[in-house]
């Protein structure tokens, strides 16, 4: 439960660039990184006399996302012109959707595997399709301090996903963004690369402050220019504290009727938000239906077909991994967050070795570390799930300890050898339980002093027996030696 003297209320607007080869209303490429103004045409630059034609794939990807977000899908949706004047908007209007969007009233469930907050459903007001504007580049440090416009991005298809103000902390906002990004990548509708602008976040935040006269709401502030999820977290935490300070400084009257919505930008270097402008209302945009585009009709059969194509989504996969393989919620979250490839690898490994928890530990500690160090994907990982399962079965049976098993694993990584070949290369041999039992029986018989100390409660005396066992056979598993020696000593008590 929060100890803050106020409640934070947050709603998020997420713009997602869709995986299409061409723009929303023309054939220009959406490829990132091309020289400025080389991916334009008369349509996306707003030349007189041009007519837009809708990209069907963009609409299908939007519909797929909306269904996965549990949204209602109207049978009729239309296009509207949202009018405003920016240098990077060549038509002086943006083709978007206003009163009849392609979806509405959905939800996304979020949770925190570490238990920082209870699972909750965050409402989705709408998910609608629109075209992107161009990009303004400001040179304020070097050169002539001029501004340049790159229209390569103008007309790129965006899906805007608008949440209800259901989030109550920066932590919940971060969890929502993580879950949304994960869902979008599983659906393969976007790469969600914030550095390239494929996913952008605006946040609306205000405070509800309890007072003797009742709860007072501070004016809503829209926060922009957040270029990472960490920046979202920090910006919201800063803005909440700033609003409370302002409320105190203004005699606690900031929440009275008439407070204007404003827009502030996040300065990541200074770690503060800075004022930008008074926020527009929908009437300021003078929406009206676009006369050049026909409405889109979506039948119940279309929705059913899209729903059938979704496959298993992240939340369902996490639940299945916990139920089927006995792993913790946090472990399931880590595995699922890496994508379907690692999920499939883990399932194959757990099935083959018969121990889900051990498979989970090795995937998180050893497989993921190797993938990160080498910068590769699981599809080119040199140790197959079947080969790693053979190694883990030796550990399970007590024929190898974890230390030696990791030496074998490294040999398999570097050489591509099988488990048996890697062990042979390293001079490591598995020792079955009967061999360990015979060795432990000799050790217990030959070391009465150590046995007496163990019986007296001095567990450290087992170290001497384990050390002797390792000198007799370097391949023995110390944990197995300890376990069997204890059993033999207790049986003779």
Foldseek 3Di string as FASTA:
>chain_A
DDPDLWWKWKKKKKKFFWPDQAFAFDRFGLDFDDPFPPRDDCVLLVPPPDFGDGDVVLVLLLLLLQVVQAWDFDQWFFWKWFAADDPQRNNRTWIWGDPGFRTAWGWDWFDDLVCPDHIDIWIWGDKHKIADTWDKDFDCDDDPRHIDTGGNRRRGIIIIIIIGRPDTALVSVLRVVLQSCLQSVLQNTHPCQLVRPSMFMKMWMWIFGQDPVGTFIAAIEIEGDQRDSVSSRLASVQVHVVRVVVCVVVVNCRRPPPRFYFYWYQDVVVSYTHGDGTDDDSVVRVMDTDPRDDMHGDDPVNSVVSVVPSPDGLVRQLVCLCVVQVDGSVLSVVQSSLDPLSSVQLVLLCVQLVHSHVSSVCCVPPVVVVCVVVVHDSVVQLAGSNQLSVLVNLCVQQQAPPVVSVQLVVQCRVPSDGSVVSCVVVVADGDGLVNLLVLLVVLCVVCVPLLVCVVVVNLCSVVVSLVVVCVVPVRGHSVSNSVNNVVVSVVVD
